Amino acid sequence: MKRVRPADMTEIYALRADTIDYFFPEREEEIDFWAELASNYGKDILHLMCGTGEIMLGLAKKGFNVTGLDITDSMIYQCKEKFEEEGIENFYVYVDDARHFNLKKTFDFIFISTGDFHHFIEEKEIRNVLARCYAHLKQGGALALELFPPSDKDFKLPEKRHRPFRDTPKGLRVWKQNASRYHSDKQMLEIMERLHVEEEGVITEGEYEIQLKLHTKEEIEKTLENSGFDDINHHEDFDESSSKDRPDSWVVVAHR
């Protein structure tokens, strides 16, 4: 089983690109949340690690000027297709690494959703991401991170198969099977996952182990402060998914 780190996330997400949206419930409430939060700062938004662009598209429909960045070409391809199907032209997308990007423009609001910030494990990686975010914010702008809370106990969840939340097109069958374990001393969540895709009788499967570094609220506050951010606050009750197989999440907001 391949262990996936930020340096080679493109491999796993290339496999996921065509099917990842089916494993999320419809995202209207999530889009409304981000729109309400972003509206406190302005219209120019950057969604880092934007994936296939569902949230971006929803924000564009609400009148925001949206830019997306993702490390995986196939994710950005899916994102472009969504916007083209809707006839929306006022958007920008980039294939780039969140640790090293330089778009030569600034934004009112930058966010990383769906716990994707947890992919960055090493302190240097985390510092790099936050430094790039700080450099791309306008004065008075804000960075928001959706995060999952760590547990104070070790746990191991048995393997479970998950079907899509949404109906898939005719001729496409997809499921994923995963198990997880958590190491409380390192605040490290390991997810072992197998993705099965069958399209018109052709089967593709991939197995991988994803490592996620979780943070306490005190830790993330200190990390953000050390990166130059201030006026840090938390949205305690944010839960962007009705899925019971994912932990509740919260959003931390930090200002430049």
C-alpha atoms as a PDB file:
ATOM      1  CA  MET A   1       0.000   0.000   0.000  1.00  0.00           C
ATOM      2  CA  LYS A   2       1.453   3.343  -1.043  1.00  0.00           C
ATOM      3  CA  ARG A   3       1.916   5.972   1.651  1.00  0.00           C
ATOM      4  CA  VAL A   4       0.846   9.350   0.323  1.00  0.00           C
ATOM      5  CA  ARG A   5       2.622  12.532   1.368  1.00  0.00           C
ATOM      6  CA  PRO A   6       2.193  16.093   0.028  1.00  0.00           C
ATOM      7  CA  ALA A   7       5.050  15.573  -2.412  1.00  0.00           C
ATOM      8  CA  ASP A   8       3.164  12.864  -4.294  1.00  0.00           C
ATOM      9  CA  MET A   9      -0.495  13.700  -3.642  1.00  0.00           C
ATOM     10  CA  THR A  10      -0.956  14.139  -7.374  1.00  0.00           C
ATOM     11  CA  GLU A  11      -0.987  10.368  -7.815  1.00  0.00           C
ATOM     12  CA  ILE A  12      -3.846   9.682  -5.412  1.00  0.00           C
ATOM     13  CA  TYR A  13      -5.899  12.691  -6.444  1.00  0.00           C
ATOM     14  CA  ALA A  14      -5.505  11.940 -10.136  1.00  0.00           C
ATOM     15  CA  LEU A  15      -7.207   8.626  -9.396  1.00  0.00           C
ATOM     16  CA  ARG A  16      -9.898  10.346  -7.334  1.00  0.00           C
ATOM     17  CA  ALA A  17     -10.631  13.265  -9.674  1.00  0.00           C
ATOM     18  CA  ASP A  18     -13.455  11.704 -11.700  1.00  0.00           C
ATOM     19  CA  THR A  19     -15.319  10.333  -8.678  1.00  0.00           C
ATOM     20  CA  ILE A  20     -14.485  12.376  -5.568  1.00  0.00           C
ATOM     21  CA  ASP A  21     -17.574  14.593  -5.765  1.00  0.00           C
ATOM     22  CA  TYR A  22     -19.902  11.601  -5.461  1.00  0.00           C
ATOM     23  CA  PHE A  23     -18.580  10.935  -1.948  1.00  0.00           C
ATOM     24  CA  PHE A  24     -19.757  14.330  -0.676  1.00  0.00           C
ATOM     25  CA  PRO A  25     -23.365  15.262   0.037  1.00  0.00           C
ATOM     26  CA  GLU A  26     -24.682  18.207  -1.944  1.00  0.00           C
ATOM     27  CA  ARG A  27     -22.669  21.210  -0.798  1.00  0.00           C
ATOM     28  CA  GLU A  28     -25.136  24.110  -0.684  1.00  0.00           C
ATOM     29  CA  GLU A  29     -24.813  24.640   3.079  1.00  0.00           C
ATOM     30  CA  GLU A  30     -21.041  24.522   2.857  1.00  0.00           C
ATOM     31  CA  ILE A  31     -21.032  27.074   0.030  1.00  0.00           C
ATOM     32  CA  ASP A  32     -23.378  29.336   2.008  1.00  0.00           C
ATOM     33  CA  PHE A  33     -21.029  29.182   4.992  1.00  0.00           C
ATOM     34  CA  TRP A  34     -17.961  30.178   2.982  1.00  0.00           C
ATOM     35  CA  ALA A  35     -19.892  32.903   1.168  1.00  0.00           C
ATOM     36  CA  GLU A  36     -21.084  34.457   4.432  1.00  0.00           C
ATOM     37  CA  LEU A  37     -17.596  34.319   5.909  1.00  0.00           C
ATOM     38  CA  ALA A  38     -15.845  35.684   2.812  1.00  0.00           C
ATOM     39  CA  SER A  39     -18.343  38.532   2.448  1.00  0.00           C
ATOM     40  CA  ASN A  40     -16.850  40.115   5.576  1.00  0.00           C
ATOM     41  CA  TYR A  41     -13.663  40.817   3.641  1.00  0.00           C
ATOM     42  CA  GLY A  42     -14.374  41.363  -0.059  1.00  0.00           C
ATOM     43  CA  LYS A  43     -15.031  39.758  -3.406  1.00  0.00           C
ATOM     44  CA  ASP A  44     -11.606  38.402  -4.376  1.00  0.00           C
ATOM     45  CA  ILE A  45     -11.236  34.824  -3.113  1.00  0.00           C
ATOM     46  CA  LEU A  46      -8.524  32.187  -3.420  1.00  0.00           C
ATOM     47  CA  HIS A  47      -9.452  28.572  -2.720  1.00  0.00           C
ATOM     48  CA  LEU A  48      -6.251  26.646  -2.079  1.00  0.00           C
ATOM     49  CA  MET A  49      -6.335  22.889  -2.780  1.00  0.00           C
ATOM     50  CA  CYS A  50      -9.630  23.527  -4.554  1.00  0.00           C
ATOM     51  CA  GLY A  51     -10.049  20.043  -6.023  1.00  0.00           C
ATOM     52  CA  THR A  52     -12.752  19.846  -8.676  1.00  0.00           C
ATOM     53  CA  GLY A  53     -14.025  23.323  -7.876  1.00  0.00           C
ATOM     54  CA  GLU A  54     -17.532  22.636  -6.538  1.00  0.00           C
ATOM     55  CA  ILE A  55     -17.190  25.200  -3.758  1.00  0.00           C
ATOM     56  CA  MET A  56     -15.527  27.707  -6.105  1.00  0.00           C
ATOM     57  CA  LEU A  57     -18.368  27.355  -8.582  1.00  0.00           C
ATOM     58  CA  GLY A  58     -20.962  27.973  -5.886  1.00  0.00           C
ATOM     59  CA  LEU A  59     -19.126  31.093  -4.754  1.00  0.00           C
ATOM     60  CA  ALA A  60     -18.807  32.354  -8.327  1.00  0.00           C
ATOM     61  CA  LYS A  61     -22.576  32.031  -8.718  1.00  0.00           C
ATOM     62  CA  LYS A  62     -22.941  34.238  -5.643  1.00  0.00           C
ATOM     63  CA  GLY A  63     -20.898  36.990  -7.283  1.00  0.00           C
ATOM     64  CA  PHE A  64     -17.407  36.410  -5.928  1.00  0.00           C
ATOM     65  CA  ASN A  65     -14.290  36.672  -8.074  1.00  0.00           C
ATOM     66  CA  VAL A  66     -12.832  33.212  -7.599  1.00  0.00           C
ATOM     67  CA  THR A  67      -9.366  31.774  -8.098  1.00  0.00           C
ATOM     68  CA  GLY A  68      -8.502  28.139  -7.453  1.00  0.00           C
ATOM     69  CA  LEU A  69      -5.207  26.342  -7.043  1.00  0.00           C
ATOM     70  CA  ASP A  70      -4.567  22.614  -6.870  1.00  0.00           C
ATOM     71  CA  ILE A  71      -1.508  20.433  -7.351  1.00  0.00           C
ATOM     72  CA  THR A  72      -3.309  17.881  -9.529  1.00  0.00           C
ATOM     73  CA  ASP A  73      -3.894  18.533 -13.245  1.00  0.00           C
ATOM     74  CA  SER A  74      -6.922  16.244 -13.409  1.00  0.00           C
ATOM     75  CA  MET A  75      -8.625  18.080 -10.550  1.00  0.00           C
ATOM     76  CA  ILE A  76      -8.141  21.411 -12.308  1.00  0.00           C
ATOM     77  CA  TYR A  77      -9.408  19.860 -15.544  1.00  0.00           C
ATOM     78  CA  GLN A  78     -12.624  18.836 -13.772  1.00  0.00           C
ATOM     79  CA  CYS A  79     -12.859  22.327 -12.281  1.00  0.00           C
ATOM     80  CA  LYS A  80     -12.593  24.008 -15.671  1.00  0.00           C
ATOM     81  CA  GLU A  81     -15.255  21.699 -17.101  1.00  0.00           C
ATOM     82  CA  LYS A  82     -17.698  22.663 -14.334  1.00  0.00           C
ATOM     83  CA  PHE A  83     -17.296  26.366 -15.046  1.00  0.00           C
ATOM     84  CA  GLU A  84     -17.542  25.887 -18.813  1.00  0.00           C
ATOM     85  CA  GLU A  85     -20.743  23.853 -18.444  1.00  0.00           C
ATOM     86  CA  GLU A  86     -22.253  26.690 -16.397  1.00  0.00           C
ATOM     87  CA  GLY A  87     -21.048  29.328 -18.852  1.00  0.00           C
ATOM     88  CA  ILE A  88     -19.057  31.184 -16.191  1.00  0.00           C
ATOM     89  CA  GLU A  89     -15.928  32.832 -17.571  1.00  0.00           C
ATOM     90  CA  ASN A  90     -14.786  35.058 -14.705  1.00  0.00           C
ATOM     91  CA  PHE A  91     -12.521  32.615 -12.859  1.00  0.00           C
ATOM     92  CA  TYR A  92      -8.863  31.623 -12.716  1.00  0.00           C
ATOM     93  CA  VAL A  93      -7.328  28.267 -11.898  1.00  0.00           C
ATOM     94  CA  TYR A  94      -3.719  27.179 -11.498  1.00  0.00           C
ATOM     95  CA  VAL A  95      -1.926  23.865 -11.186  1.00  0.00           C
ATOM     96  CA  ASP A  96       0.581  24.555  -8.429  1.00  0.00           C
ATOM     97  CA  ASP A  97       1.822  23.500  -5.007  1.00  0.00           C
ATOM     98  CA  ALA A  98       0.279  25.282  -1.996  1.00  0.00           C
ATOM     99  CA  ARG A  99       3.699  25.290  -0.329  1.00  0.00           C
ATOM    100  CA  HIS A 100       5.425  27.266  -3.071  1.00  0.00           C
ATOM    101  CA  PHE A 101       2.895  29.167  -5.212  1.00  0.00           C
ATOM    102  CA  ASN A 102       3.344  32.758  -6.359  1.00  0.00           C
ATOM    103  CA  LEU A 103       0.371  34.186  -8.242  1.00  0.00           C
ATOM    104  CA  LYS A 104       1.643  37.788  -8.171  1.00  0.00           C
ATOM    105  CA  LYS A 105      -1.719  39.051  -6.966  1.00  0.00           C
ATOM    106  CA  THR A 106      -3.436  39.453  -3.599  1.00  0.00           C
ATOM    107  CA  PHE A 107      -6.846  38.446  -2.274  1.00  0.00           C
ATOM    108  CA  ASP A 108      -9.408  39.556   0.283  1.00  0.00           C
ATOM    109  CA  PHE A 109      -9.995  36.025   1.518  1.00  0.00           C
ATOM    110  CA  ILE A 110      -8.068  32.753   1.230  1.00  0.00           C
ATOM    111  CA  PHE A 111      -9.329  29.418   2.484  1.00  0.00           C
ATOM    112  CA  ILE A 112      -8.442  25.729   2.645  1.00  0.00           C
ATOM    113  CA  SER A 113     -11.519  23.551   3.135  1.00  0.00           C
ATOM    114  CA  THR A 114     -12.322  19.919   3.937  1.00  0.00           C
ATOM    115  CA  GLY A 115      -9.362  19.401   6.260  1.00  0.00           C
ATOM    116  CA  ASP A 116      -6.850  19.512   3.395  1.00  0.00           C
ATOM    117  CA  PHE A 117      -4.462  21.593   5.521  1.00  0.00           C
ATOM    118  CA  HIS A 118      -3.820  18.409   7.542  1.00  0.00           C
ATOM    119  CA  HIS A 119      -1.889  16.933   4.604  1.00  0.00           C
ATOM    120  CA  PHE A 120       1.040  19.121   5.615  1.00  0.00           C
ATOM    121  CA  ILE A 121       2.921  17.302   8.362  1.00  0.00           C
ATOM    122  CA  GLU A 122       6.418  18.720   8.683  1.00  0.00           C
ATOM    123  CA  GLU A 123       6.827  22.104  10.391  1.00  0.00           C
ATOM    124  CA  LYS A 124       8.676  23.460   7.362  1.00  0.00           C
ATOM    125  CA  GLU A 125       5.775  22.528   5.054  1.00  0.00           C
ATOM    126  CA  ILE A 126       3.263  24.192   7.354  1.00  0.00           C
ATOM    127  CA  ARG A 127       5.368  27.357   7.624  1.00  0.00           C
ATOM    128  CA  ASN A 128       5.736  27.496   3.850  1.00  0.00           C
ATOM    129  CA  VAL A 129       1.991  27.203   3.202  1.00  0.00           C
ATOM    130  CA  LEU A 130       1.138  29.886   5.749  1.00  0.00           C
ATOM    131  CA  ALA A 131       3.885  32.192   4.464  1.00  0.00           C
ATOM    132  CA  ARG A 132       2.524  31.950   0.922  1.00  0.00           C
ATOM    133  CA  CYS A 133      -1.007  32.631   2.188  1.00  0.00           C
ATOM    134  CA  TYR A 134       0.151  35.668   4.174  1.00  0.00           C
ATOM    135  CA  ALA A 135       2.001  37.044   1.144  1.00  0.00           C
ATOM    136  CA  HIS A 136      -1.112  36.689  -1.023  1.00  0.00           C
ATOM    137  CA  LEU A 137      -3.509  38.459   1.364  1.00  0.00           C
ATOM    138  CA  LYS A 138      -4.456  42.103   1.137  1.00  0.00           C
ATOM    139  CA  GLN A 139      -3.989  44.131   4.312  1.00  0.00           C
ATOM    140  CA  GLY A 140      -7.063  43.446   6.433  1.00  0.00           C
ATOM    141  CA  GLY A 141      -7.793  40.202   4.600  1.00  0.00           C
ATOM    142  CA  ALA A 142      -8.293  36.809   6.214  1.00  0.00           C
ATOM    143  CA  LEU A 143      -7.154  33.222   5.955  1.00  0.00           C
ATOM    144  CA  ALA A 144      -9.588  30.456   6.979  1.00  0.00           C
ATOM    145  CA  LEU A 145      -8.719  26.798   7.572  1.00  0.00           C
ATOM    146  CA  GLU A 146     -11.227  24.025   8.065  1.00  0.00           C
ATOM    147  CA  LEU A 147      -9.709  21.592  10.563  1.00  0.00           C
ATOM    148  CA  PHE A 148     -10.551  18.333  12.295  1.00  0.00           C
ATOM    149  CA  PRO A 149     -10.084  18.109  16.071  1.00  0.00           C
ATOM    150  CA  PRO A 150      -7.505  15.714  17.508  1.00  0.00           C
ATOM    151  CA  SER A 151      -8.479  13.045  20.027  1.00  0.00           C
ATOM    152  CA  ASP A 152      -6.801  12.579  23.394  1.00  0.00           C
ATOM    153  CA  LYS A 153      -6.948   8.798  22.948  1.00  0.00           C
ATOM    154  CA  ASP A 154      -5.560   6.318  20.443  1.00  0.00           C
ATOM    155  CA  PHE A 155      -8.140   4.560  18.301  1.00  0.00           C
ATOM    156  CA  LYS A 156      -8.397   2.126  15.455  1.00  0.00           C
ATOM    157  CA  LEU A 157     -11.473   1.946  13.238  1.00  0.00           C
ATOM    158  CA  PRO A 158     -12.133  -1.285  11.339  1.00  0.00           C
ATOM    159  CA  GLU A 159     -12.392  -1.452   7.585  1.00  0.00           C
ATOM    160  CA  LYS A 160     -15.675  -0.191   6.193  1.00  0.00           C
ATOM    161  CA  ARG A 161     -17.064   0.144   2.689  1.00  0.00           C
ATOM    162  CA  HIS A 162     -18.578   3.468   1.633  1.00  0.00           C
ATOM    163  CA  ARG A 163     -20.997   4.010  -1.214  1.00  0.00           C
ATOM    164  CA  PRO A 164     -21.428   7.380  -2.952  1.00  0.00           C
ATOM    165  CA  PHE A 165     -23.798   9.936  -1.444  1.00  0.00           C
ATOM    166  CA  ARG A 166     -24.975  10.932  -4.910  1.00  0.00           C
ATOM    167  CA  ASP A 167     -26.278   8.990  -7.862  1.00  0.00           C
ATOM    168  CA  THR A 168     -23.547   8.170 -10.356  1.00  0.00           C
ATOM    169  CA  PRO A 169     -24.038   8.298 -14.139  1.00  0.00           C
ATOM    170  CA  LYS A 170     -25.245   5.179 -15.902  1.00  0.00           C
ATOM    171  CA  GLY A 171     -22.361   2.802 -16.497  1.00  0.00           C
ATOM    172  CA  LEU A 172     -20.294   4.059 -13.547  1.00  0.00           C
ATOM    173  CA  ARG A 173     -19.987   2.101 -10.304  1.00  0.00           C
ATOM    174  CA  VAL A 174     -17.733   3.337  -7.547  1.00  0.00           C
ATOM    175  CA  TRP A 175     -17.037   2.600  -3.898  1.00  0.00           C
ATOM    176  CA  LYS A 176     -14.229   3.064  -1.438  1.00  0.00           C
ATOM    177  CA  GLN A 177     -13.152   0.990   1.508  1.00  0.00           C
ATOM    178  CA  ASN A 178     -11.128   2.399   4.346  1.00  0.00           C
ATOM    179  CA  ALA A 179      -9.828   1.817   7.846  1.00  0.00           C
ATOM    180  CA  SER A 180      -8.091   4.296  10.108  1.00  0.00           C
ATOM    181  CA  ARG A 181      -5.926   4.516  13.180  1.00  0.00           C
ATOM    182  CA  TYR A 182      -4.952   7.461  15.313  1.00  0.00           C
ATOM    183  CA  HIS A 183      -1.795   8.014  17.357  1.00  0.00           C
ATOM    184  CA  SER A 184      -2.560  10.527  20.100  1.00  0.00           C
ATOM    185  CA  ASP A 185       1.082  11.114  21.046  1.00  0.00           C
ATOM    186  CA  LYS A 186       1.853  12.378  17.527  1.00  0.00           C
ATOM    187  CA  GLN A 187      -1.695  13.617  16.746  1.00  0.00           C
ATOM    188  CA  MET A 188      -1.390  11.647  13.531  1.00  0.00           C
ATOM    189  CA  LEU A 189      -4.355  10.130  11.729  1.00  0.00           C
ATOM    190  CA  GLU A 190      -3.592   7.361   9.231  1.00  0.00           C
ATOM    191  CA  ILE A 191      -6.250   6.335   6.720  1.00  0.00           C
ATOM    192  CA  MET A 192      -5.846   3.181   4.648  1.00  0.00           C
ATOM    193  CA  GLU A 193      -8.115   3.413   1.635  1.00  0.00           C
ATOM    194  CA  ARG A 194      -8.961   1.407  -1.460  1.00  0.00           C
ATOM    195  CA  LEU A 195     -10.880   3.075  -4.284  1.00  0.00           C
ATOM    196  CA  HIS A 196     -12.789   0.922  -6.781  1.00  0.00           C
ATOM    197  CA  VAL A 197     -14.027   2.435 -10.049  1.00  0.00           C
ATOM    198  CA  GLU A 198     -15.886   0.427 -12.676  1.00  0.00           C
ATOM    199  CA  GLU A 199     -16.844   2.300 -15.842  1.00  0.00           C
ATOM    200  CA  GLU A 200     -18.399   0.531 -18.809  1.00  0.00           C
ATOM    201  CA  GLY A 201     -17.007  -2.760 -17.514  1.00  0.00           C
ATOM    202  CA  VAL A 202     -13.441  -1.486 -17.081  1.00  0.00           C
ATOM    203  CA  ILE A 203     -12.235  -1.718 -13.470  1.00  0.00           C
ATOM    204  CA  THR A 204      -9.593   0.550 -11.941  1.00  0.00           C
ATOM    205  CA  GLU A 205      -8.468   0.234  -8.335  1.00  0.00           C
ATOM    206  CA  GLY A 206      -5.967   2.056  -6.182  1.00  0.00           C
ATOM    207  CA  GLU A 207      -4.747   1.519  -2.631  1.00  0.00           C
ATOM    208  CA  TYR A 208      -3.024   4.156  -0.548  1.00  0.00           C
ATOM    209  CA  GLU A 209      -2.348   5.309   3.005  1.00  0.00           C
ATOM    210  CA  ILE A 210      -2.939   8.950   3.811  1.00  0.00           C
ATOM    211  CA  GLN A 211      -1.298  10.614   6.797  1.00  0.00           C
ATOM    212  CA  LEU A 212      -2.938  13.657   8.372  1.00  0.00           C
ATOM    213  CA  LYS A 213      -1.396  15.827  11.082  1.00  0.00           C
ATOM    214  CA  LEU A 214      -4.080  17.163  13.457  1.00  0.00           C
ATOM    215  CA  HIS A 215      -3.748  20.268  15.651  1.00  0.00           C
ATOM    216  CA  THR A 216      -5.279  21.555  18.844  1.00  0.00           C
ATOM    217  CA  LYS A 217      -6.774  25.024  18.790  1.00  0.00           C
ATOM    218  CA  GLU A 218      -3.944  26.312  20.951  1.00  0.00           C
ATOM    219  CA  GLU A 219      -1.341  24.837  18.604  1.00  0.00           C
ATOM    220  CA  ILE A 220      -2.874  26.246  15.450  1.00  0.00           C
ATOM    221  CA  GLU A 221      -3.236  29.672  17.043  1.00  0.00           C
ATOM    222  CA  LYS A 222       0.452  29.729  17.969  1.00  0.00           C
ATOM    223  CA  THR A 223       1.448  28.525  14.495  1.00  0.00           C
ATOM    224  CA  LEU A 224      -0.622  31.251  12.838  1.00  0.00           C
ATOM    225  CA  GLU A 225       0.747  33.926  15.165  1.00  0.00           C
ATOM    226  CA  ASN A 226       4.293  32.829  14.383  1.00  0.00           C
ATOM    227  CA  SER A 227       3.465  33.266  10.691  1.00  0.00           C
ATOM    228  CA  GLY A 228       2.442  36.895  11.228  1.00  0.00           C
ATOM    229  CA  PHE A 229      -1.337  36.520  11.552  1.00  0.00           C
ATOM    230  CA  ASP A 230      -3.370  38.093  14.335  1.00  0.00           C
ATOM    231  CA  ASP A 231      -6.985  38.508  15.529  1.00  0.00           C
ATOM    232  CA  ILE A 232      -7.464  34.725  15.402  1.00  0.00           C
ATOM    233  CA  ASN A 233     -10.913  33.292  16.103  1.00  0.00           C
ATOM    234  CA  HIS A 234     -12.766  30.007  15.756  1.00  0.00           C
ATOM    235  CA  HIS A 235     -16.119  28.959  14.350  1.00  0.00           C
ATOM    236  CA  GLU A 236     -16.915  26.183  16.789  1.00  0.00           C
ATOM    237  CA  ASP A 237     -20.091  24.771  15.267  1.00  0.00           C
ATOM    238  CA  PHE A 238     -19.017  24.394  11.663  1.00  0.00           C
ATOM    239  CA  ASP A 239     -19.828  20.947  10.249  1.00  0.00           C
ATOM    240  CA  GLU A 240     -19.872  21.049   6.449  1.00  0.00           C
ATOM    241  CA  SER A 241     -21.028  17.468   5.948  1.00  0.00           C
ATOM    242  CA  SER A 242     -23.820  15.286   7.207  1.00  0.00           C
ATOM    243  CA  SER A 243     -21.523  12.296   6.820  1.00  0.00           C
ATOM    244  CA  LYS A 244     -21.212  10.349  10.079  1.00  0.00           C
ATOM    245  CA  ASP A 245     -17.952   8.701   9.093  1.00  0.00           C
ATOM    246  CA  ARG A 246     -16.042  11.984   9.324  1.00  0.00           C
ATOM    247  CA  PRO A 247     -15.288  13.927  12.517  1.00  0.00           C
ATOM    248  CA  ASP A 248     -16.939  17.274  13.076  1.00  0.00           C
ATOM    249  CA  SER A 249     -14.756  20.110  11.881  1.00  0.00           C
ATOM    250  CA  TRP A 250     -14.197  23.696  12.905  1.00  0.00           C
ATOM    251  CA  VAL A 251     -12.891  26.717  11.050  1.00  0.00           C
ATOM    252  CA  VAL A 252     -10.138  28.975  12.337  1.00  0.00           C
ATOM    253  CA  VAL A 253      -9.915  32.484  10.863  1.00  0.00           C
ATOM    254  CA  ALA A 254      -6.742  34.582  11.048  1.00  0.00           C
ATOM    255  CA  HIS A 255      -6.206  38.116   9.784  1.00  0.00           C
ATOM    256  CA  ARG A 256      -3.399  40.014   8.146  1.00  0.00           C
END
